Amino acid sequence: MHFRTRNRVIQVIRTSYNPTSKRAKAQVLGSVNRIHPEISDELRLICKPQELAELKAFVKNQQMLTRVELENAARTLVAQMQKATEWFDTAQIN
């Protein structure tokens, strides 16, 4: 199982091996909203217990990363604004 992040959605993908063609086959099981990550009942029924645990861990990790990104943005805002002010003061804007 792997996850593909697309804009505001996390796609849940199961990969299985096809012995006849000797290739892996990817099947999209469903998706989860990144902003409000609630796993739907339909997706819970499709996923195996191990896959569901993996999905929950991935969603939790994504939420943690989002919080860190927001904190970093808040902590560096003053410095970024100062750099922007310097650029506007020195740039030759037409």
C-alpha atoms as a PDB file:
ATOM      1  CA  MET A   1       0.000   0.000   0.000  1.00  0.00           C
ATOM      2  CA  HIS A   2       1.137   3.483  -0.739  1.00  0.00           C
ATOM      3  CA  PHE A   3      -0.273   6.979  -0.693  1.00  0.00           C
ATOM      4  CA  ARG A   4      -0.250   9.691  -3.324  1.00  0.00           C
ATOM      5  CA  THR A   5      -0.719  13.268  -2.215  1.00  0.00           C
ATOM      6  CA  ARG A   6      -2.609  15.360  -4.758  1.00  0.00           C
ATOM      7  CA  ASN A   7      -3.329  18.981  -3.813  1.00  0.00           C
ATOM      8  CA  ARG A   8      -5.961  18.625  -1.072  1.00  0.00           C
ATOM      9  CA  VAL A   9      -6.442  14.853  -1.345  1.00  0.00           C
ATOM     10  CA  ILE A  10      -4.514  11.770  -0.264  1.00  0.00           C
ATOM     11  CA  GLN A  11      -5.115   8.837  -2.609  1.00  0.00           C
ATOM     12  CA  VAL A  12      -4.974   5.387  -1.013  1.00  0.00           C
ATOM     13  CA  ILE A  13      -3.444   2.836  -3.391  1.00  0.00           C
ATOM     14  CA  ARG A  14      -3.107  -0.919  -3.034  1.00  0.00           C
ATOM     15  CA  THR A  15      -0.430  -2.612  -5.112  1.00  0.00           C
ATOM     16  CA  SER A  16      -0.767  -6.301  -5.908  1.00  0.00           C
ATOM     17  CA  TYR A  17       1.361  -8.632  -8.009  1.00  0.00           C
ATOM     18  CA  ASN A  18      -0.128 -10.316 -11.064  1.00  0.00           C
ATOM     19  CA  PRO A  19       1.749 -13.598 -11.642  1.00  0.00           C
ATOM     20  CA  THR A  20       0.370 -13.991 -15.161  1.00  0.00           C
ATOM     21  CA  SER A  21       1.700 -10.707 -16.496  1.00  0.00           C
ATOM     22  CA  LYS A  22       4.530 -10.639 -13.936  1.00  0.00           C
ATOM     23  CA  ARG A  23       3.759  -7.042 -13.146  1.00  0.00           C
ATOM     24  CA  ALA A  24       2.460  -5.058 -10.245  1.00  0.00           C
ATOM     25  CA  LYS A  25      -1.065  -3.694 -10.465  1.00  0.00           C
ATOM     26  CA  ALA A  26      -2.030  -0.511  -8.637  1.00  0.00           C
ATOM     27  CA  GLN A  27      -5.622  -0.085  -7.515  1.00  0.00           C
ATOM     28  CA  VAL A  28      -6.908   3.193  -6.088  1.00  0.00           C
ATOM     29  CA  LEU A  29      -9.052   2.258  -3.086  1.00  0.00           C
ATOM     30  CA  GLY A  30     -10.245   5.745  -2.281  1.00  0.00           C
ATOM     31  CA  SER A  31      -9.143   9.120  -1.032  1.00  0.00           C
ATOM     32  CA  VAL A  32      -8.963  11.176   2.144  1.00  0.00           C
ATOM     33  CA  ASN A  33      -9.241  14.942   2.409  1.00  0.00           C
ATOM     34  CA  ARG A  34      -5.927  16.431   3.601  1.00  0.00           C
ATOM     35  CA  ILE A  35      -7.546  19.393   5.361  1.00  0.00           C
ATOM     36  CA  HIS A  36     -10.170  17.360   7.246  1.00  0.00           C
ATOM     37  CA  PRO A  37      -8.727  13.813   7.168  1.00  0.00           C
ATOM     38  CA  GLU A  38     -11.631  11.553   8.021  1.00  0.00           C
ATOM     39  CA  ILE A  39     -11.531   7.993   6.727  1.00  0.00           C
ATOM     40  CA  SER A  40     -14.882   7.137   5.176  1.00  0.00           C
ATOM     41  CA  ASP A  41     -16.830   4.020   6.166  1.00  0.00           C
ATOM     42  CA  GLU A  42     -16.520   2.753   2.590  1.00  0.00           C
ATOM     43  CA  LEU A  43     -12.730   3.034   2.696  1.00  0.00           C
ATOM     44  CA  ARG A  44     -12.653   1.355   6.127  1.00  0.00           C
ATOM     45  CA  LEU A  45     -14.536  -1.635   4.677  1.00  0.00           C
ATOM     46  CA  ILE A  46     -12.260  -1.925   1.640  1.00  0.00           C
ATOM     47  CA  CYS A  47      -8.978  -1.751   3.591  1.00  0.00           C
ATOM     48  CA  LYS A  48      -7.503  -4.729   5.390  1.00  0.00           C
ATOM     49  CA  PRO A  49      -6.749  -4.143   9.110  1.00  0.00           C
ATOM     50  CA  GLN A  50      -3.028  -3.724   8.451  1.00  0.00           C
ATOM     51  CA  GLU A  51      -3.714  -1.277   5.613  1.00  0.00           C
ATOM     52  CA  LEU A  52      -6.109   0.716   7.784  1.00  0.00           C
ATOM     53  CA  ALA A  53      -3.466   0.989  10.516  1.00  0.00           C
ATOM     54  CA  GLU A  54      -0.936   2.136   7.915  1.00  0.00           C
ATOM     55  CA  LEU A  55      -3.401   4.741   6.587  1.00  0.00           C
ATOM     56  CA  LYS A  56      -4.123   6.063  10.080  1.00  0.00           C
ATOM     57  CA  ALA A  57      -0.386   6.375  10.777  1.00  0.00           C
ATOM     58  CA  PHE A  58       0.166   8.184   7.469  1.00  0.00           C
ATOM     59  CA  VAL A  59      -2.689  10.631   8.131  1.00  0.00           C
ATOM     60  CA  LYS A  60      -1.393  11.310  11.648  1.00  0.00           C
ATOM     61  CA  ASN A  61       2.099  11.960  10.257  1.00  0.00           C
ATOM     62  CA  GLN A  62       0.702  14.320   7.606  1.00  0.00           C
ATOM     63  CA  GLN A  63      -1.192  16.265  10.278  1.00  0.00           C
ATOM     64  CA  MET A  64       2.008  16.591  12.311  1.00  0.00           C
ATOM     65  CA  LEU A  65       3.948  17.826   9.259  1.00  0.00           C
ATOM     66  CA  THR A  66       1.240  20.387   8.520  1.00  0.00           C
ATOM     67  CA  ARG A  67       1.425  21.692  12.086  1.00  0.00           C
ATOM     68  CA  VAL A  68       5.237  21.982  11.818  1.00  0.00           C
ATOM     69  CA  GLU A  69       4.932  23.824   8.483  1.00  0.00           C
ATOM     70  CA  LEU A  70       2.441  26.277   9.967  1.00  0.00           C
ATOM     71  CA  GLU A  71       4.612  26.839  13.035  1.00  0.00           C
ATOM     72  CA  ASN A  72       7.657  27.429  10.841  1.00  0.00           C
ATOM     73  CA  ALA A  73       5.706  29.925   8.730  1.00  0.00           C
ATOM     74  CA  ALA A  74       4.574  31.784  11.845  1.00  0.00           C
ATOM     75  CA  ARG A  75       8.044  31.832  13.415  1.00  0.00           C
ATOM     76  CA  THR A  76       9.776  33.087  10.254  1.00  0.00           C
ATOM     77  CA  LEU A  77       7.121  35.588   9.171  1.00  0.00           C
ATOM     78  CA  VAL A  78       8.907  38.629  10.599  1.00  0.00           C
ATOM     79  CA  ALA A  79      12.188  37.722   8.891  1.00  0.00           C
ATOM     80  CA  GLN A  80      10.414  37.073   5.588  1.00  0.00           C
ATOM     81  CA  MET A  81       8.613  40.417   5.792  1.00  0.00           C
ATOM     82  CA  GLN A  82      11.928  42.191   6.479  1.00  0.00           C
ATOM     83  CA  LYS A  83      13.510  40.518   3.438  1.00  0.00           C
ATOM     84  CA  ALA A  84      10.518  41.484   1.300  1.00  0.00           C
ATOM     85  CA  THR A  85      10.818  45.101   2.484  1.00  0.00           C
ATOM     86  CA  GLU A  86      14.522  45.135   1.550  1.00  0.00           C
ATOM     87  CA  TRP A  87      13.732  43.731  -1.874  1.00  0.00           C
ATOM     88  CA  PHE A  88      10.998  46.297  -2.526  1.00  0.00           C
ATOM     89  CA  ASP A  89      13.376  49.080  -1.429  1.00  0.00           C
ATOM     90  CA  THR A  90      16.171  47.950  -3.773  1.00  0.00           C
ATOM     91  CA  ALA A  91      14.299  46.421  -6.712  1.00  0.00           C
ATOM     92  CA  GLN A  92      13.709  48.417  -9.826  1.00  0.00           C
ATOM     93  CA  ILE A  93      10.037  47.789 -10.386  1.00  0.00           C
ATOM     94  CA  ASN A  94       8.621  49.013 -13.667  1.00  0.00           C
END
